[in-house]
Amino acid sequence: MKQFIGTVTSNKMQKTVVVTVEKTKKHRLYGKTLRSKKNFHAHDEIGVKIGDRVKIQSVRPLSKLKKFKVVTVLK
């Protein structure tokens, strides 16, 4: 099961939140730090707010876009 830590960017849907996960890695030749972001739709039974740091975990497909669920609120 995949787990990511990200920030909630939208909670306007019912029991669904959009979580932005940001990854950083160094360029293999030049050493510059590169940032990339990805948005995931996650099932939310807890009731999180925009700006919360959450841990999401992969689950079976719950809908067309939702394949993750919110496990815990970190901050």
N, C-alpha and C. Protein backbone atom coordinates (compact mmCIF):
# COMPACT_ATOMS: atom_id res chain seq x y z
N MET A 1 0.84 -1.18 0.00
CA MET A 1 0.00 0.00 0.00
C MET A 1 0.87 1.24 0.00
N LYS A 2 0.58 2.14 -0.91
CA LYS A 2 1.33 3.38 -0.99
C LYS A 2 0.81 4.37 0.04
N GLN A 3 1.72 5.12 0.63
CA GLN A 3 1.35 6.16 1.58
C GLN A 3 2.10 7.43 1.22
N PHE A 4 1.40 8.55 1.28
CA PHE A 4 1.99 9.84 1.00
C PHE A 4 1.60 10.82 2.10
N ILE A 5 2.41 11.85 2.28
CA ILE A 5 2.08 12.95 3.19
C ILE A 5 1.94 14.20 2.34
N GLY A 6 0.81 14.90 2.52
CA GLY A 6 0.57 16.09 1.72
C GLY A 6 -0.30 17.08 2.44
N THR A 7 -0.64 18.15 1.72
CA THR A 7 -1.43 19.25 2.26
C THR A 7 -2.79 19.27 1.59
N VAL A 8 -3.84 19.46 2.37
CA VAL A 8 -5.20 19.54 1.82
C VAL A 8 -5.36 20.90 1.12
N THR A 9 -5.74 20.88 -0.16
CA THR A 9 -5.92 22.11 -0.91
C THR A 9 -7.38 22.41 -1.22
N SER A 10 -8.26 21.42 -1.10
CA SER A 10 -9.68 21.65 -1.34
C SER A 10 -10.49 20.64 -0.55
N ASN A 11 -11.60 21.13 0.04
CA ASN A 11 -12.53 20.23 0.73
C ASN A 11 -13.97 20.57 0.40
N LYS A 12 -14.22 21.05 -0.80
CA LYS A 12 -15.55 21.50 -1.19
C LYS A 12 -16.50 20.36 -1.55
N MET A 13 -15.98 19.16 -1.77
CA MET A 13 -16.82 18.02 -2.11
C MET A 13 -17.25 17.29 -0.84
N GLN A 14 -18.28 16.49 -0.95
CA GLN A 14 -18.76 15.74 0.20
C GLN A 14 -17.89 14.51 0.40
N LYS A 15 -17.26 14.40 1.58
CA LYS A 15 -16.41 13.27 1.95
C LYS A 15 -15.24 13.05 1.00
N THR A 16 -14.82 14.10 0.29
CA THR A 16 -13.68 14.01 -0.61
C THR A 16 -12.82 15.25 -0.42
N VAL A 17 -11.51 15.06 -0.38
CA VAL A 17 -10.58 16.19 -0.31
C VAL A 17 -9.53 16.01 -1.40
N VAL A 18 -8.94 17.14 -1.80
CA VAL A 18 -7.83 17.11 -2.75
C VAL A 18 -6.56 17.36 -1.95
N VAL A 19 -5.62 16.43 -2.05
CA VAL A 19 -4.37 16.51 -1.31
C VAL A 19 -3.23 16.72 -2.30
N THR A 20 -2.42 17.76 -2.06
CA THR A 20 -1.26 18.03 -2.90
C THR A 20 -0.02 17.45 -2.24
N VAL A 21 0.65 16.56 -2.97
CA VAL A 21 1.87 15.92 -2.48
C VAL A 21 3.04 16.51 -3.25
N GLU A 22 4.03 17.02 -2.52
CA GLU A 22 5.19 17.65 -3.15
C GLU A 22 6.42 16.77 -2.93
N LYS A 23 7.13 16.49 -4.03
CA LYS A 23 8.35 15.68 -3.96
C LYS A 23 9.53 16.52 -4.40
N THR A 24 10.68 16.29 -3.80
CA THR A 24 11.91 16.97 -4.21
C THR A 24 12.96 15.92 -4.54
N LYS A 25 13.74 16.20 -5.57
CA LYS A 25 14.87 15.35 -5.88
C LYS A 25 15.93 16.18 -6.56
N LYS A 26 17.15 15.69 -6.50
CA LYS A 26 18.26 16.41 -7.11
C LYS A 26 18.45 15.96 -8.55
N HIS A 27 18.82 16.90 -9.41
CA HIS A 27 19.17 16.57 -10.78
C HIS A 27 20.45 15.75 -10.76
N ARG A 28 20.47 14.68 -11.55
CA ARG A 28 21.59 13.74 -11.44
C ARG A 28 22.91 14.32 -11.90
N LEU A 29 22.89 15.28 -12.83
CA LEU A 29 24.14 15.83 -13.34
C LEU A 29 24.50 17.16 -12.68
N TYR A 30 23.53 18.07 -12.59
CA TYR A 30 23.82 19.41 -12.13
C TYR A 30 23.61 19.62 -10.64
N GLY A 31 22.91 18.73 -9.98
CA GLY A 31 22.73 18.83 -8.54
C GLY A 31 21.67 19.81 -8.09
N LYS A 32 20.96 20.42 -9.03
CA LYS A 32 19.91 21.37 -8.67
C LYS A 32 18.72 20.61 -8.08
N THR A 33 18.10 21.19 -7.06
CA THR A 33 16.93 20.56 -6.44
C THR A 33 15.69 20.89 -7.26
N LEU A 34 14.98 19.85 -7.68
CA LEU A 34 13.78 20.00 -8.49
C LEU A 34 12.57 19.63 -7.64
N ARG A 35 11.50 20.42 -7.75
CA ARG A 35 10.27 20.15 -7.01
C ARG A 35 9.18 19.76 -7.99
N SER A 36 8.39 18.78 -7.62
CA SER A 36 7.23 18.40 -8.43
C SER A 36 6.05 18.19 -7.50
N LYS A 37 4.86 18.55 -8.00
CA LYS A 37 3.63 18.42 -7.22
C LYS A 37 2.66 17.50 -7.95
N LYS A 38 1.84 16.81 -7.17
CA LYS A 38 0.79 15.98 -7.74
C LYS A 38 -0.43 16.05 -6.82
N ASN A 39 -1.60 16.12 -7.42
CA ASN A 39 -2.85 16.19 -6.65
C ASN A 39 -3.51 14.82 -6.64
N PHE A 40 -3.99 14.43 -5.46
CA PHE A 40 -4.73 13.18 -5.30
C PHE A 40 -6.08 13.48 -4.68
N HIS A 41 -7.14 12.82 -5.17
CA HIS A 41 -8.44 12.88 -4.54
C HIS A 41 -8.49 11.78 -3.49
N ALA A 42 -8.88 12.12 -2.27
CA ALA A 42 -8.87 11.15 -1.17
C ALA A 42 -10.21 11.17 -0.44
N HIS A 43 -10.62 10.00 0.02
CA HIS A 43 -11.85 9.86 0.80
C HIS A 43 -11.60 10.35 2.22
N ASP A 44 -12.53 11.17 2.74
CA ASP A 44 -12.32 11.81 4.03
C ASP A 44 -13.51 11.54 4.95
N GLU A 45 -13.31 10.69 5.94
CA GLU A 45 -14.33 10.46 6.97
C GLU A 45 -14.05 11.31 8.21
N ILE A 46 -12.84 11.86 8.32
CA ILE A 46 -12.42 12.59 9.53
C ILE A 46 -12.98 14.00 9.54
N GLY A 47 -13.02 14.66 8.39
CA GLY A 47 -13.46 16.05 8.32
C GLY A 47 -12.30 17.02 8.44
N VAL A 48 -11.36 16.95 7.51
CA VAL A 48 -10.17 17.82 7.56
C VAL A 48 -10.46 19.17 6.92
N LYS A 49 -9.60 20.14 7.21
CA LYS A 49 -9.76 21.50 6.69
C LYS A 49 -8.63 21.82 5.72
N ILE A 50 -8.81 22.88 4.95
CA ILE A 50 -7.78 23.32 4.01
C ILE A 50 -6.54 23.73 4.79
N GLY A 51 -5.37 23.27 4.34
CA GLY A 51 -4.11 23.60 5.00
C GLY A 51 -3.61 22.54 5.94
N ASP A 52 -4.42 21.54 6.27
CA ASP A 52 -3.98 20.46 7.17
C ASP A 52 -2.98 19.56 6.47
N ARG A 53 -1.96 19.10 7.22
CA ARG A 53 -1.04 18.09 6.72
C ARG A 53 -1.63 16.73 7.06
N VAL A 54 -1.81 15.89 6.05
CA VAL A 54 -2.45 14.59 6.25
C VAL A 54 -1.62 13.49 5.63
N LYS A 55 -1.84 12.28 6.13
CA LYS A 55 -1.25 11.09 5.54
C LYS A 55 -2.36 10.37 4.80
N ILE A 56 -2.12 10.04 3.51
CA ILE A 56 -3.11 9.31 2.72
C ILE A 56 -2.55 7.95 2.35
N GLN A 57 -3.45 7.00 2.15
CA GLN A 57 -3.07 5.62 1.88
C GLN A 57 -3.90 5.10 0.73
N SER A 58 -3.30 4.29 -0.13
CA SER A 58 -4.03 3.75 -1.28
C SER A 58 -5.03 2.68 -0.82
N VAL A 59 -6.18 2.68 -1.46
CA VAL A 59 -7.24 1.70 -1.20
C VAL A 59 -7.81 1.26 -2.54
N ARG A 60 -8.78 0.36 -2.49
CA ARG A 60 -9.43 -0.04 -3.73
C ARG A 60 -10.12 1.18 -4.35
N PRO A 61 -10.35 1.20 -5.65
CA PRO A 61 -11.01 2.37 -6.26
C PRO A 61 -12.40 2.60 -5.67
N LEU A 62 -12.61 3.80 -5.13
CA LEU A 62 -13.89 4.16 -4.54
C LEU A 62 -14.78 4.88 -5.53
N SER A 63 -14.19 5.53 -6.53
CA SER A 63 -14.93 6.19 -7.59
C SER A 63 -13.97 6.36 -8.76
N LYS A 64 -14.35 7.17 -9.73
CA LYS A 64 -13.51 7.38 -10.91
C LYS A 64 -12.16 7.99 -10.53
N LEU A 65 -12.15 8.94 -9.59
CA LEU A 65 -10.93 9.64 -9.23
C LEU A 65 -10.36 9.24 -7.88
N LYS A 66 -11.19 8.74 -6.96
CA LYS A 66 -10.73 8.46 -5.59
C LYS A 66 -10.14 7.07 -5.48
N LYS A 67 -8.84 7.03 -5.19
CA LYS A 67 -8.15 5.76 -4.96
C LYS A 67 -7.31 5.82 -3.70
N PHE A 68 -7.52 6.87 -2.88
CA PHE A 68 -6.81 7.04 -1.62
C PHE A 68 -7.80 7.40 -0.52
N LYS A 69 -7.39 7.22 0.73
CA LYS A 69 -8.19 7.67 1.86
C LYS A 69 -7.29 8.35 2.87
N VAL A 70 -7.87 9.29 3.62
CA VAL A 70 -7.13 10.01 4.65
C VAL A 70 -7.00 9.10 5.86
N VAL A 71 -5.76 8.87 6.31
CA VAL A 71 -5.52 8.00 7.45
C VAL A 71 -5.45 8.81 8.73
N THR A 72 -4.58 9.83 8.77
CA THR A 72 -4.42 10.64 9.97
C THR A 72 -4.16 12.08 9.59
N VAL A 73 -4.47 12.97 10.53
CA VAL A 73 -4.13 14.39 10.41
C VAL A 73 -2.86 14.60 11.20
N LEU A 74 -1.82 15.12 10.56
CA LEU A 74 -0.53 15.30 11.23
C LEU A 74 -0.40 16.66 11.89
N LYS A 75 -1.02 17.69 11.30
CA LYS A 75 -0.86 19.03 11.83
C LYS A 75 -2.03 19.89 11.44
